[in-house]
PDB file of N, CA and C in Angstrom:
ATOM      1  N   MET A   1      63.017 122.121 196.297  1.00  0.00           N
ATOM      2  CA  MET A   1      61.839 122.234 195.522  1.00  0.00           C
ATOM      3  C   MET A   1      61.213 120.861 195.332  1.00  0.00           C
ATOM      4  N   SER A   2      59.969 120.862 195.536  1.00  0.00           N
ATOM      5  CA  SER A   2      59.281 119.590 195.414  1.00  0.00           C
ATOM      6  C   SER A   2      58.658 119.483 194.033  1.00  0.00           C
ATOM      7  N   ILE A   3      58.184 118.334 193.740  1.00  0.00           N
ATOM      8  CA  ILE A   3      57.574 118.071 192.445  1.00  0.00           C
ATOM      9  C   ILE A   3      56.313 118.902 192.302  1.00  0.00           C
ATOM     10  N   THR A   4      55.603 119.089 193.351  1.00  0.00           N
ATOM     11  CA  THR A   4      54.405 119.911 193.296  1.00  0.00           C
ATOM     12  C   THR A   4      54.764 121.355 193.009  1.00  0.00           C
ATOM     13  N   ASP A   5      55.851 121.806 193.609  1.00  0.00           N
ATOM     14  CA  ASP A   5      56.271 123.182 193.335  1.00  0.00           C
ATOM     15  C   ASP A   5      56.683 123.332 191.864  1.00  0.00           C
ATOM     16  N   VAL A   6      57.438 122.349 191.390  1.00  0.00           N
ATOM     17  CA  VAL A   6      57.880 122.379 189.998  1.00  0.00           C
ATOM     18  C   VAL A   6      56.658 122.252 189.083  1.00  0.00           C
ATOM     19  N   GLY A   7      55.762 121.366 189.416  1.00  0.00           N
ATOM     20  CA  GLY A   7      54.552 121.183 188.613  1.00  0.00           C
ATOM     21  C   GLY A   7      53.708 122.441 188.618  1.00  0.00           C
ATOM     22  N   GLY A   8      53.634 123.130 189.746  1.00  0.00           N
ATOM     23  CA  GLY A   8      52.866 124.370 189.843  1.00  0.00           C
ATOM     24  C   GLY A   8      53.507 125.472 189.012  1.00  0.00           C
ATOM     25  N   GLU A   9      54.838 125.495 189.051  1.00  0.00           N
ATOM     26  CA  GLU A   9      55.561 126.503 188.263  1.00  0.00           C
ATOM     27  C   GLU A   9      55.369 126.274 186.762  1.00  0.00           C
ATOM     28  N   VAL A  10      55.465 125.022 186.374  1.00  0.00           N
ATOM     29  CA  VAL A  10      55.286 124.670 184.971  1.00  0.00           C
ATOM     30  C   VAL A  10      53.866 125.011 184.551  1.00  0.00           C
ATOM     31  N   ARG A  11      52.924 124.703 185.422  1.00  0.00           N
ATOM     32  CA  ARG A  11      51.527 124.984 185.125  1.00  0.00           C
ATOM     33  C   ARG A  11      51.317 126.488 184.938  1.00  0.00           C
ATOM     34  N   GLN A  12      51.909 127.280 185.839  1.00  0.00           N
ATOM     35  CA  GLN A  12      51.771 128.739 185.735  1.00  0.00           C
ATOM     36  C   GLN A  12      52.414 129.258 184.437  1.00  0.00           C
ATOM     37  N   GLN A  13      53.552 128.679 184.112  1.00  0.00           N
ATOM     38  CA  GLN A  13      54.244 129.100 182.885  1.00  0.00           C
ATOM     39  C   GLN A  13      53.396 128.751 181.655  1.00  0.00           C
ATOM     40  N   VAL A  14      52.802 127.579 181.642  1.00  0.00           N
ATOM     41  CA  VAL A  14      51.948 127.166 180.533  1.00  0.00           C
ATOM     42  C   VAL A  14      50.728 128.069 180.459  1.00  0.00           C
ATOM     43  N   GLU A  15      50.154 128.407 181.586  1.00  0.00           N
ATOM     44  CA  GLU A  15      48.994 129.302 181.613  1.00  0.00           C
ATOM     45  C   GLU A  15      49.361 130.687 181.069  1.00  0.00           C
ATOM     46  N   ARG A  16      50.564 131.172 181.441  1.00  0.00           N
ATOM     47  CA  ARG A  16      51.025 132.463 180.927  1.00  0.00           C
ATOM     48  C   ARG A  16      51.224 132.407 179.418  1.00  0.00           C
ATOM     49  N   TRP A  17      51.792 131.305 178.931  1.00  0.00           N
ATOM     50  CA  TRP A  17      51.989 131.148 177.487  1.00  0.00           C
ATOM     51  C   TRP A  17      50.643 131.128 176.753  1.00  0.00           C
ATOM     52  N   ILE A  18      49.697 130.434 177.368  1.00  0.00           N
ATOM     53  CA  ILE A  18      48.368 130.373 176.757  1.00  0.00           C
ATOM     54  C   ILE A  18      47.750 131.762 176.721  1.00  0.00           C
ATOM     55  N   GLU A  19      47.854 132.503 177.825  1.00  0.00           N
ATOM     56  CA  GLU A  19      47.304 133.863 177.878  1.00  0.00           C
ATOM     57  C   GLU A  19      47.993 134.769 176.857  1.00  0.00           C
ATOM     58  N   GLU A  20      49.332 134.678 176.812  1.00  0.00           N
ATOM     59  CA  GLU A  20      50.074 135.500 175.856  1.00  0.00           C
ATOM     60  C   GLU A  20      49.718 135.117 174.417  1.00  0.00           C
ATOM     61  N   SER A  21      49.588 133.817 174.185  1.00  0.00           N
ATOM     62  CA  SER A  21      49.226 133.344 172.848  1.00  0.00           C
ATOM     63  C   SER A  21      47.842 133.839 172.469  1.00  0.00           C
ATOM     64  N   GLN A  22      46.896 133.751 173.412  1.00  0.00           N
ATOM     65  CA  GLN A  22      45.547 134.234 173.135  1.00  0.00           C
ATOM     66  C   GLN A  22      45.564 135.736 172.846  1.00  0.00           C
ATOM     67  N   TYR A  23      46.345 136.466 173.631  1.00  0.00           N
ATOM     68  CA  TYR A  23      46.447 137.907 173.432  1.00  0.00           C
ATOM     69  C   TYR A  23      47.039 138.204 172.048  1.00  0.00           C
ATOM     70  N   LEU A  24      48.162 137.517 171.733  1.00  0.00           N
ATOM     71  CA  LEU A  24      48.812 137.748 170.439  1.00  0.00           C
ATOM     72  C   LEU A  24      47.910 137.329 169.280  1.00  0.00           C
ATOM     73  N   LEU A  25      47.293 136.157 169.420  1.00  0.00           N
ATOM     74  CA  LEU A  25      46.401 135.701 168.356  1.00  0.00           C
ATOM     75  C   LEU A  25      45.202 136.631 168.218  1.00  0.00           C
ATOM     76  N   GLY A  26      44.727 137.157 169.322  1.00  0.00           N
ATOM     77  CA  GLY A  26      43.609 138.098 169.289  1.00  0.00           C
ATOM     78  C   GLY A  26      43.977 139.377 168.560  1.00  0.00           C
ATOM     79  N   ARG A  27      45.234 139.733 168.605  1.00  0.00           N
ATOM     80  CA  ARG A  27      45.679 140.939 167.899  1.00  0.00           C
ATOM     81  C   ARG A  27      46.143 140.626 166.481  1.00  0.00           C
ATOM     82  N   VAL A  28      46.802 139.491 166.286  1.00  0.00           N
ATOM     83  CA  VAL A  28      47.403 139.166 164.996  1.00  0.00           C
ATOM     84  C   VAL A  28      46.358 138.669 163.990  1.00  0.00           C
ATOM     85  N   ILE A  29      45.493 137.761 164.409  1.00  0.00           N
ATOM     86  CA  ILE A  29      44.541 137.148 163.481  1.00  0.00           C
ATOM     87  C   ILE A  29      43.635 138.184 162.823  1.00  0.00           C
ATOM     88  N   PRO A  30      43.035 139.122 163.560  1.00  0.00           N
ATOM     89  CA  PRO A  30      42.224 140.134 162.865  1.00  0.00           C
ATOM     90  C   PRO A  30      43.049 140.935 161.848  1.00  0.00           C
ATOM     91  N   GLY A  31      44.302 141.233 162.197  1.00  0.00           N
ATOM     92  CA  GLY A  31      45.174 141.945 161.260  1.00  0.00           C
ATOM     93  C   GLY A  31      45.446 141.118 160.015  1.00  0.00           C
ATOM     94  N   VAL A  32      45.644 139.813 160.208  1.00  0.00           N
ATOM     95  CA  VAL A  32      45.873 138.922 159.071  1.00  0.00           C
ATOM     96  C   VAL A  32      44.620 138.863 158.193  1.00  0.00           C
ATOM     97  N   PHE A  33      43.450 138.746 158.844  1.00  0.00           N
ATOM     98  CA  PHE A  33      42.200 138.738 158.079  1.00  0.00           C
ATOM     99  C   PHE A  33      41.998 140.054 157.326  1.00  0.00           C
ATOM    100  N   ASP A  34      42.272 141.162 158.007  1.00  0.00           N
ATOM    101  CA  ASP A  34      42.132 142.471 157.355  1.00  0.00           C
ATOM    102  C   ASP A  34      43.080 142.589 156.157  1.00  0.00           C
ATOM    103  N   GLU A  35      44.322 142.166 156.356  1.00  0.00           N
ATOM    104  CA  GLU A  35      45.314 142.214 155.275  1.00  0.00           C
ATOM    105  C   GLU A  35      44.894 141.298 154.124  1.00  0.00           C
ATOM    106  N   ASN A  36      44.380 140.118 154.482  1.00  0.00           N
ATOM    107  CA  ASN A  36      43.905 139.175 153.473  1.00  0.00           C
ATOM    108  C   ASN A  36      42.777 139.805 152.649  1.00  0.00           C
ATOM    109  N   GLN A  37      41.824 140.454 153.320  1.00  0.00           N
ATOM    110  CA  GLN A  37      40.706 141.087 152.614  1.00  0.00           C
ATOM    111  C   GLN A  37      41.194 142.243 151.747  1.00  0.00           C
ATOM    112  N   ARG A  38      42.132 143.027 152.283  1.00  0.00           N
ATOM    113  CA  ARG A  38      42.683 144.144 151.521  1.00  0.00           C
ATOM    114  C   ARG A  38      43.374 143.634 150.254  1.00  0.00           C
ATOM    115  N   LEU A  39      44.138 142.555 150.387  1.00  0.00           N
ATOM    116  CA  LEU A  39      44.829 141.985 149.228  1.00  0.00           C
ATOM    117  C   LEU A  39      43.845 141.379 148.225  1.00  0.00           C
ATOM    118  N   ARG A  40      42.767 140.764 148.722  1.00  0.00           N
ATOM    119  CA  ARG A  40      41.740 140.222 147.820  1.00  0.00           C
ATOM    120  C   ARG A  40      41.071 141.357 147.035  1.00  0.00           C
ATOM    121  N   ASP A  41      40.750 142.440 147.746  1.00  0.00           N
ATOM    122  CA  ASP A  41      40.137 143.596 147.081  1.00  0.00           C
ATOM    123  C   ASP A  41      41.079 144.178 146.026  1.00  0.00           C
ATOM    124  N   LYS A  42      42.351 144.255 146.397  1.00  0.00           N
ATOM    125  CA  LYS A  42      43.347 144.789 145.471  1.00  0.00           C
ATOM    126  C   LYS A  42      43.486 143.884 144.241  1.00  0.00           C
ATOM    127  N   ALA A  43      43.468 142.569 144.462  1.00  0.00           N
ATOM    128  CA  ALA A  43      43.559 141.620 143.346  1.00  0.00           C
ATOM    129  C   ALA A  43      42.321 141.729 142.449  1.00  0.00           C
ATOM    130  N   ALA A  44      41.140 141.869 143.053  1.00  0.00           N
ATOM    131  CA  ALA A  44      39.908 142.005 142.264  1.00  0.00           C
ATOM    132  C   ALA A  44      39.950 143.285 141.432  1.00  0.00           C
ATOM    133  N   SER A  45      40.431 144.362 142.041  1.00  0.00           N
ATOM    134  CA  SER A  45      40.546 145.631 141.320  1.00  0.00           C
ATOM    135  C   SER A  45      41.546 145.506 140.169  1.00  0.00           C
ATOM    136  N   ALA A  46      42.662 144.821 140.434  1.00  0.00           N
ATOM    137  CA  ALA A  46      43.669 144.623 139.385  1.00  0.00           C
ATOM    138  C   ALA A  46      43.101 143.774 138.247  1.00  0.00           C
ATOM    139  N   GLU A  47      42.296 142.768 138.579  1.00  0.00           N
ATOM    140  CA  GLU A  47      41.669 141.941 137.546  1.00  0.00           C
ATOM    141  C   GLU A  47      40.691 142.766 136.709  1.00  0.00           C
ATOM    142  N   GLN A  48      39.933 143.640 137.362  1.00  0.00           N
ATOM    143  CA  GLN A  48      39.009 144.512 136.625  1.00  0.00           C
ATOM    144  C   GLN A  48      39.779 145.444 135.695  1.00  0.00           C
ATOM    145  N   ASP A  49      40.871 146.017 136.214  1.00  0.00           N
ATOM    146  CA  ASP A  49      41.707 146.886 135.376  1.00  0.00           C
ATOM    147  C   ASP A  49      42.269 146.108 134.187  1.00  0.00           C
ATOM    148  N   CYS A  50      42.697 144.883 134.460  1.00  0.00           N
ATOM    149  CA  CYS A  50      43.259 144.038 133.402  1.00  0.00           C
ATOM    150  C   CYS A  50      42.200 143.743 132.341  1.00  0.00           C
ATOM    151  N   ASP A  51      40.984 143.413 132.771  1.00  0.00           N
ATOM    152  CA  ASP A  51      39.894 143.153 131.820  1.00  0.00           C
ATOM    153  C   ASP A  51      39.582 144.399 130.998  1.00  0.00           C
ATOM    154  N   ARG A  52      39.526 145.551 131.669  1.00  0.00           N
ATOM    155  CA  ARG A  52      39.248 146.805 130.969  1.00  0.00           C
ATOM    156  C   ARG A  52      40.345 147.088 129.944  1.00  0.00           C
ATOM    157  N   MET A  53      41.591 146.876 130.334  1.00  0.00           N
ATOM    158  CA  MET A  53      42.706 147.129 129.415  1.00  0.00           C
ATOM    159  C   MET A  53      42.688 146.151 128.245  1.00  0.00           C
ATOM    160  N   ARG A  54      42.296 144.899 128.509  1.00  0.00           N
ATOM    161  CA  ARG A  54      42.182 143.933 127.410  1.00  0.00           C
ATOM    162  C   ARG A  54      41.142 144.403 126.403  1.00  0.00           C
ATOM    163  N   GLU A  55      40.013 144.899 126.909  1.00  0.00           N
ATOM    164  CA  GLU A  55      38.968 145.409 126.019  1.00  0.00           C
ATOM    165  C   GLU A  55      39.468 146.619 125.229  1.00  0.00           C
ATOM    166  N   GLU A  56      40.201 147.503 125.903  1.00  0.00           N
ATOM    167  CA  GLU A  56      40.750 148.676 125.212  1.00  0.00           C
ATOM    168  C   GLU A  56      41.742 148.251 124.136  1.00  0.00           C
ATOM    169  N   ILE A  57      42.579 147.276 124.465  1.00  0.00           N
ATOM    170  CA  ILE A  57      43.569 146.784 123.498  1.00  0.00           C
ATOM    171  C   ILE A  57      42.864 146.181 122.291  1.00  0.00           C
ATOM    172  N   ALA A  58      41.816 145.395 122.547  1.00  0.00           N
ATOM    173  CA  ALA A  58      41.068 144.792 121.438  1.00  0.00           C
ATOM    174  C   ALA A  58      40.441 145.880 120.565  1.00  0.00           C
ATOM    175  N   ALA A  59      39.875 146.908 121.197  1.00  0.00           N
ATOM    176  CA  ALA A  59      39.266 148.010 120.434  1.00  0.00           C
ATOM    177  C   ALA A  59      40.330 148.746 119.624  1.00  0.00           C
ATOM    178  N   LEU A  60      41.481 148.979 120.222  1.00  0.00           N
ATOM    179  CA  LEU A  60      42.563 149.667 119.508  1.00  0.00           C
ATOM    180  C   LEU A  60      43.083 148.820 118.346  1.00  0.00           C
ATOM    181  N   ARG A  61      43.154 147.513 118.550  1.00  0.00           N
ATOM    182  CA  ARG A  61      43.589 146.643 117.450  1.00  0.00           C
ATOM    183  C   ARG A  61      42.587 146.689 116.301  1.00  0.00           C
ATOM    184  N   ARG A  62      41.291 146.680 116.639  1.00  0.00           N
ATOM    185  CA  ARG A  62      40.277 146.790 115.584  1.00  0.00           C
ATOM    186  C   ARG A  62      40.433 148.116 114.842  1.00  0.00           C
ATOM    187  N   GLU A  63      40.651 149.179 115.603  1.00  0.00           N
ATOM    188  CA  GLU A  63      40.820 150.500 114.982  1.00  0.00           C
ATOM    189  C   GLU A  63      42.052 150.523 114.080  1.00  0.00           C
ATOM    190  N   ILE A  64      43.136 149.911 114.539  1.00  0.00           N
ATOM    191  CA  ILE A  64      44.362 149.847 113.728  1.00  0.00           C
ATOM    192  C   ILE A  64      44.086 149.096 112.430  1.00  0.00           C
ATOM    193  N   ASN A  65      43.374 147.970 112.524  1.00  0.00           N
ATOM    194  CA  ASN A  65      43.056 147.203 111.315  1.00  0.00           C
ATOM    195  C   ASN A  65      42.202 148.021 110.357  1.00  0.00           C
ATOM    196  N   GLU A  66      41.223 148.745 110.898  1.00  0.00           N
ATOM    197  CA  GLU A  66      40.386 149.600 110.051  1.00  0.00           C
ATOM    198  C   GLU A  66      41.219 150.692 109.389  1.00  0.00           C
ATOM    199  N   LEU A  67      42.132 151.285 110.155  1.00  0.00           N
ATOM    200  CA  LEU A  67      42.980 152.345 109.600  1.00  0.00           C
ATOM    201  C   LEU A  67      43.926 151.797 108.535  1.00  0.00           C
ATOM    202  N   HIS A  68      44.439 150.578 108.753  1.00  0.00           N
ATOM    203  CA  HIS A  68      45.290 149.963 107.725  1.00  0.00           C
ATOM    204  C   HIS A  68      44.495 149.733 106.442  1.00  0.00           C
ATOM    205  N   ALA A  69      43.259 149.271 106.590  1.00  0.00           N
ATOM    206  CA  ALA A  69      42.416 149.053 105.403  1.00  0.00           C
ATOM    207  C   ALA A  69      42.149 150.378 104.691  1.00  0.00           C
ATOM    208  N   GLU A  70      41.854 151.409 105.464  1.00  0.00           N
ATOM    209  CA  GLU A  70      41.607 152.730 104.870  1.00  0.00           C
ATOM    210  C   GLU A  70      42.864 153.253 104.179  1.00  0.00           C
ATOM    211  N   LEU A  71      44.018 153.056 104.819  1.00  0.00           N
ATOM    212  CA  LEU A  71      45.282 153.499 104.228  1.00  0.00           C
ATOM    213  C   LEU A  71      45.548 152.771 102.909  1.00  0.00           C
ATOM    214  N   THR A  72      45.281 151.480 102.888  1.00  0.00           N
ATOM    215  CA  THR A  72      45.460 150.713 101.653  1.00  0.00           C
ATOM    216  C   THR A  72      44.550 151.253 100.555  1.00  0.00           C
ATOM    217  N   GLN A  73      43.303 151.537 100.912  1.00  0.00           N
ATOM    218  CA  GLN A  73      42.351 152.093  99.940  1.00  0.00           C
ATOM    219  C   GLN A  73      42.831 153.456  99.441  1.00  0.00           C
ATOM    220  N   LEU A  74      43.288 154.303 100.356  1.00  0.00           N
ATOM    221  CA  LEU A  74      43.756 155.634  99.965  1.00  0.00           C
ATOM    222  C   LEU A  74      45.001 155.554  99.087  1.00  0.00           C
ATOM    223  N   ARG A  75      45.873 154.602  99.378  1.00  0.00           N
ATOM    224  CA  ARG A  75      47.057 154.431  98.525  1.00  0.00           C
ATOM    225  C   ARG A  75      46.644 154.019  97.114  1.00  0.00           C
ATOM    226  N   GLY A  76      45.648 153.146  97.033  1.00  0.00           N
ATOM    227  CA  GLY A  76      45.140 152.747  95.716  1.00  0.00           C
ATOM    228  C   GLY A  76      44.568 153.936  94.968  1.00  0.00           C
ATOM    229  N   GLN A  77      43.778 154.749  95.666  1.00  0.00           N
ATOM    230  CA  GLN A  77      43.215 155.948  95.041  1.00  0.00           C
ATOM    231  C   GLN A  77      44.324 156.900  94.609  1.00  0.00           C
ATOM    232  N   HIS A  78      45.331 157.038  95.462  1.00  0.00           N
ATOM    233  CA  HIS A  78      46.461 157.917  95.151  1.00  0.00           C
ATOM    234  C   HIS A  78      47.164 157.446  93.883  1.00  0.00           C
ATOM    235  N   ASP A  79      47.423 156.156  93.808  1.00  0.00           N
ATOM    236  CA  ASP A  79      48.081 155.620  92.613  1.00  0.00           C
ATOM    237  C   ASP A  79      47.220 155.842  91.372  1.00  0.00           C
ATOM    238  N   TYR A  80      45.920 155.609  91.510  1.00  0.00           N
ATOM    239  CA  TYR A  80      45.002 155.823  90.381  1.00  0.00           C
ATOM    240  C   TYR A  80      45.039 157.284  89.940  1.00  0.00           C
ATOM    241  N   LEU A  81      44.944 158.205  90.901  1.00  0.00           N
ATOM    242  CA  LEU A  81      44.939 159.633  90.568  1.00  0.00           C
ATOM    243  C   LEU A  81      46.271 160.074  89.980  1.00  0.00           C
ATOM    244  N   ARG A  82      47.361 159.499  90.462  1.00  0.00           N
ATOM    245  CA  ARG A  82      48.669 159.797  89.868  1.00  0.00           C
ATOM    246  C   ARG A  82      48.685 159.388  88.399  1.00  0.00           C
ATOM    247  N   GLY A  83      48.141 158.217  88.107  1.00  0.00           N
ATOM    248  CA  GLY A  83      48.062 157.756  86.718  1.00  0.00           C
ATOM    249  C   GLY A  83      47.198 158.679  85.880  1.00  0.00           C
ATOM    250  N   GLU A  84      46.062 159.090  86.438  1.00  0.00           N
ATOM    251  CA  GLU A  84      45.174 160.018  85.733  1.00  0.00           C
ATOM    252  C   GLU A  84      45.881 161.348  85.485  1.00  0.00           C
ATOM    253  N   GLN A  85      46.599 161.826  86.496  1.00  0.00           N
ATOM    254  CA  GLN A  85      47.323 163.091  86.366  1.00  0.00           C
ATOM    255  C   GLN A  85      48.375 162.982  85.258  1.00  0.00           C
ATOM    256  N   ALA A  86      49.093 161.875  85.222  1.00  0.00           N
ATOM    257  CA  ALA A  86      50.109 161.680  84.186  1.00  0.00           C
ATOM    258  C   ALA A  86      49.460 161.628  82.801  1.00  0.00           C
ATOM    259  N   ALA A  87      48.309 160.958  82.708  1.00  0.00           N
ATOM    260  CA  ALA A  87      47.613 160.874  81.413  1.00  0.00           C
ATOM    261  C   ALA A  87      47.135 162.252  80.969  1.00  0.00           C
ATOM    262  N   ILE A  88      46.600 163.042  81.889  1.00  0.00           N
ATOM    263  CA  ILE A  88      46.137 164.398  81.559  1.00  0.00           C
ATOM    264  C   ILE A  88      47.315 165.272  81.138  1.00  0.00           C
ATOM    265  N   ALA A  89      48.422 165.163  81.868  1.00  0.00           N
ATOM    266  CA  ALA A  89      49.608 165.957  81.522  1.00  0.00           C
ATOM    267  C   ALA A  89      50.098 165.588  80.124  1.00  0.00           C
ATOM    268  N   GLU A  90      50.099 164.304  79.815  1.00  0.00           N
ATOM    269  CA  GLU A  90      50.522 163.857  78.488  1.00  0.00           C
ATOM    270  C   GLU A  90      49.572 164.387  77.417  1.00  0.00           C
ATOM    271  N   SER A  91      48.273 164.334  77.678  1.00  0.00           N
ATOM    272  CA  SER A  91      47.287 164.848  76.712  1.00  0.00           C
ATOM    273  C   SER A  91      47.466 166.341  76.496  1.00  0.00           C
ATOM    274  N   LEU A  92      47.668 167.078  77.581  1.00  0.00           N
ATOM    275  CA  LEU A  92      47.869 168.523  77.455  1.00  0.00           C
ATOM    276  C   LEU A  92      49.152 168.839  76.701  1.00  0.00           C
ATOM    277  N   THR A  93      50.196 168.071  76.942  1.00  0.00           N
ATOM    278  CA  THR A  93      51.454 168.284  76.230  1.00  0.00           C
ATOM    279  C   THR A  93      51.245 168.072  74.731  1.00  0.00           C
ATOM    280  N   ARG A  94      50.534 167.005  74.377  1.00  0.00           N
ATOM    281  CA  ARG A  94      50.253 166.748  72.954  1.00  0.00           C
ATOM    282  C   ARG A  94      49.384 167.856  72.372  1.00  0.00           C
ATOM    283  N   ALA A  95      48.377 168.308  73.124  1.00  0.00           N
ATOM    284  CA  ALA A  95      47.486 169.369  72.632  1.00  0.00           C
ATOM    285  C   ALA A  95      48.268 170.651  72.389  1.00  0.00           C
ATOM    286  N   VAL A  96      49.144 171.008  73.335  1.00  0.00           N
ATOM    287  CA  VAL A  96      49.957 172.222  73.164  1.00  0.00           C
ATOM    288  C   VAL A  96      50.870 172.061  71.957  1.00  0.00           C
ATOM    289  N   HIS A  97      51.449 170.890  71.785  1.00  0.00           N
ATOM    290  CA  HIS A  97      52.326 170.644  70.639  1.00  0.00           C
ATOM    291  C   HIS A  97      51.542 170.796  69.328  1.00  0.00           C
ATOM    292  N   HIS A  98      50.345 170.206  69.266  1.00  0.00           N
ATOM    293  CA  HIS A  98      49.512 170.332  68.056  1.00  0.00           C
ATOM    294  C   HIS A  98      49.112 171.786  67.814  1.00  0.00           C
ATOM    295  N   MET A  99      48.755 172.489  68.871  1.00  0.00           N
ATOM    296  CA  MET A  99      48.375 173.900  68.723  1.00  0.00           C
ATOM    297  C   MET A  99      49.558 174.710  68.217  1.00  0.00           C
ATOM    298  N   THR A 100      50.737 174.399  68.730  1.00  0.00           N
ATOM    299  CA  THR A 100      51.935 175.102  68.277  1.00  0.00           C
ATOM    300  C   THR A 100      52.154 174.841  66.792  1.00  0.00           C
ATOM    301  N   GLN A 101      51.984 173.590  66.389  1.00  0.00           N
ATOM    302  CA  GLN A 101      52.149 173.266  64.971  1.00  0.00           C
ATOM    303  C   GLN A 101      51.088 173.962  64.121  1.00  0.00           C
ATOM    304  N   MET A 102      49.856 174.067  64.649  1.00  0.00           N
ATOM    305  CA  MET A 102      48.797 174.743  63.902  1.00  0.00           C
ATOM    306  C   MET A 102      49.050 176.245  63.836  1.00  0.00           C
ATOM    307  N   MET A 103      49.624 176.805  64.869  1.00  0.00           N
ATOM    308  CA  MET A 103      49.856 178.247  64.918  1.00  0.00           C
ATOM    309  C   MET A 103      51.038 178.659  64.047  1.00  0.00           C
ATOM    310  N   GLN A 104      51.945 177.750  63.787  1.00  0.00           N
ATOM    311  CA  GLN A 104      53.141 178.102  63.016  1.00  0.00           C
ATOM    312  C   GLN A 104      52.780 178.661  61.635  1.00  0.00           C
ATOM    313  N   PRO A 105      51.924 178.038  60.844  1.00  0.00           N
ATOM    314  CA  PRO A 105      51.568 178.629  59.538  1.00  0.00           C
ATOM    315  C   PRO A 105      50.867 179.972  59.702  1.00  0.00           C
ATOM    316  N   ILE A 106      50.017 180.090  60.726  1.00  0.00           N
ATOM    317  CA  ILE A 106      49.322 181.366  60.952  1.00  0.00           C
ATOM    318  C   ILE A 106      50.332 182.444  61.289  1.00  0.00           C
ATOM    319  N   ASN A 107      51.283 182.128  62.160  1.00  0.00           N
ATOM    320  CA  ASN A 107      52.325 183.091  62.528  1.00  0.00           C
ATOM    321  C   ASN A 107      53.150 183.488  61.307  1.00  0.00           C
ATOM    322  N   GLU A 108      53.433 182.518  60.447  1.00  0.00           N
ATOM    323  CA  GLU A 108      54.191 182.823  59.232  1.00  0.00           C
ATOM    324  C   GLU A 108      53.391 183.767  58.332  1.00  0.00           C
ATOM    325  N   MET A 109      52.068 183.536  58.218  1.00  0.00           N
ATOM    326  CA  MET A 109      51.226 184.420  57.407  1.00  0.00           C
ATOM    327  C   MET A 109      51.202 185.821  57.984  1.00  0.00           C
ATOM    328  N   VAL A 110      51.075 185.918  59.310  1.00  0.00           N
ATOM    329  CA  VAL A 110      51.055 187.234  59.960  1.00  0.00           C
ATOM    330  C   VAL A 110      52.365 187.943  59.694  1.00  0.00           C
ATOM    331  N   THR A 111      53.473 187.226  59.780  1.00  0.00           N
ATOM    332  CA  THR A 111      54.777 187.824  59.528  1.00  0.00           C
ATOM    333  C   THR A 111      54.851 188.312  58.088  1.00  0.00           C
ATOM    334  N   ARG A 112      54.393 187.526  57.137  1.00  0.00           N
ATOM    335  CA  ARG A 112      54.407 187.933  55.729  1.00  0.00           C
ATOM    336  C   ARG A 112      53.519 189.150  55.507  1.00  0.00           C
ATOM    337  N   LEU A 113      52.352 189.155  56.166  1.00  0.00           N
ATOM    338  CA  LEU A 113      51.454 190.296  56.016  1.00  0.00           C
ATOM    339  C   LEU A 113      52.088 191.569  56.565  1.00  0.00           C
ATOM    340  N   HIS A 114      52.779 191.470  57.679  1.00  0.00           N
ATOM    341  CA  HIS A 114      53.443 192.641  58.250  1.00  0.00           C
ATOM    342  C   HIS A 114      54.553 193.125  57.328  1.00  0.00           C
ATOM    343  N   VAL A 115      55.253 192.189  56.744  1.00  0.00           N
ATOM    344  CA  VAL A 115      56.330 192.565  55.828  1.00  0.00           C
ATOM    345  C   VAL A 115      55.715 193.184  54.575  1.00  0.00           C
ATOM    346  N   ALA A 116      54.662 192.619  54.071  1.00  0.00           N
ATOM    347  CA  ALA A 116      54.026 193.104  52.849  1.00  0.00           C
ATOM    348  C   ALA A 116      53.274 194.396  53.102  1.00  0.00           C
ATOM    349  N   GLN A 117      52.752 194.595  54.278  1.00  0.00           N
ATOM    350  CA  GLN A 117      51.945 195.776  54.592  1.00  0.00           C
ATOM    351  C   GLN A 117      52.761 197.060  54.476  1.00  0.00           C
ATOM    352  N   PRO A 118      53.996 197.175  54.982  1.00  0.00           N
ATOM    353  CA  PRO A 118      54.713 198.429  54.790  1.00  0.00           C
ATOM    354  C   PRO A 118      54.939 198.732  53.312  1.00  0.00           C
ATOM    355  N   ALA A 119      55.118 197.703  52.523  1.00  0.00           N
ATOM    356  CA  ALA A 119      55.300 197.941  51.091  1.00  0.00           C
ATOM    357  C   ALA A 119      54.017 198.481  50.489  1.00  0.00           C
ATOM    358  N   LEU A 120      52.893 197.994  50.926  1.00  0.00           N
ATOM    359  CA  LEU A 120      51.594 198.455  50.448  1.00  0.00           C
ATOM    360  C   LEU A 120      51.362 199.896  50.872  1.00  0.00           C
ATOM    361  N   GLU A 121      51.673 200.198  52.102  1.00  0.00           N
ATOM    362  CA  GLU A 121      51.474 201.549  52.621  1.00  0.00           C
ATOM    363  C   GLU A 121      52.345 202.541  51.844  1.00  0.00           C
ATOM    364  N   GLY A 122      53.537 202.115  51.510  1.00  0.00           N
ATOM    365  CA  GLY A 122      54.441 202.987  50.755  1.00  0.00           C
ATOM    366  C   GLY A 122      53.920 203.240  49.348  1.00  0.00           C
ATOM    367  N   SER A 123      53.292 202.268  48.756  1.00  0.00           N
ATOM    368  CA  SER A 123      52.775 202.440  47.401  1.00  0.00           C
ATOM    369  C   SER A 123      51.509 203.268  47.384  1.00  0.00           C
ATOM    370  N   LEU A 124      50.770 203.286  48.471  1.00  0.00           N
ATOM    371  CA  LEU A 124      49.537 204.054  48.550  1.00  0.00           C
ATOM    372  C   LEU A 124      49.830 205.541  48.744  1.00  0.00           C
ATOM    373  N   GLN A 125      50.929 205.885  49.193  1.00  0.00           N
ATOM    374  CA  GLN A 125      51.206 207.294  49.473  1.00  0.00           C
ATOM    375  C   GLN A 125      51.668 207.991  48.286  1.00  0.00           C
TER     376      GLN A 125
END
């Protein structure tokens, strides 16, 4: 084998590598670009979802704060009404007690009248 033969063989091998590389790059690079674009689109969509979820979280936090404030107000009203209910119950208890005390002499009079009435009826006959 001469140097020219070896040089020709090397040249042919280099040309084949270049052709194969061009073929592979022609197939691989568009796929890489497509994958890159797909991943960029996916990342943009994920960022939009993340922004939307952040807004939802902020809205839910505001709603929670409003509900906590409302709950605090309702608890205050509940405590106030409980106090009012206790005061009314106490007033009614005192009123019933006073009425009972007022009715006792009347009941005693009615009892005396019933006892005295049969004696009266007996004397009238």
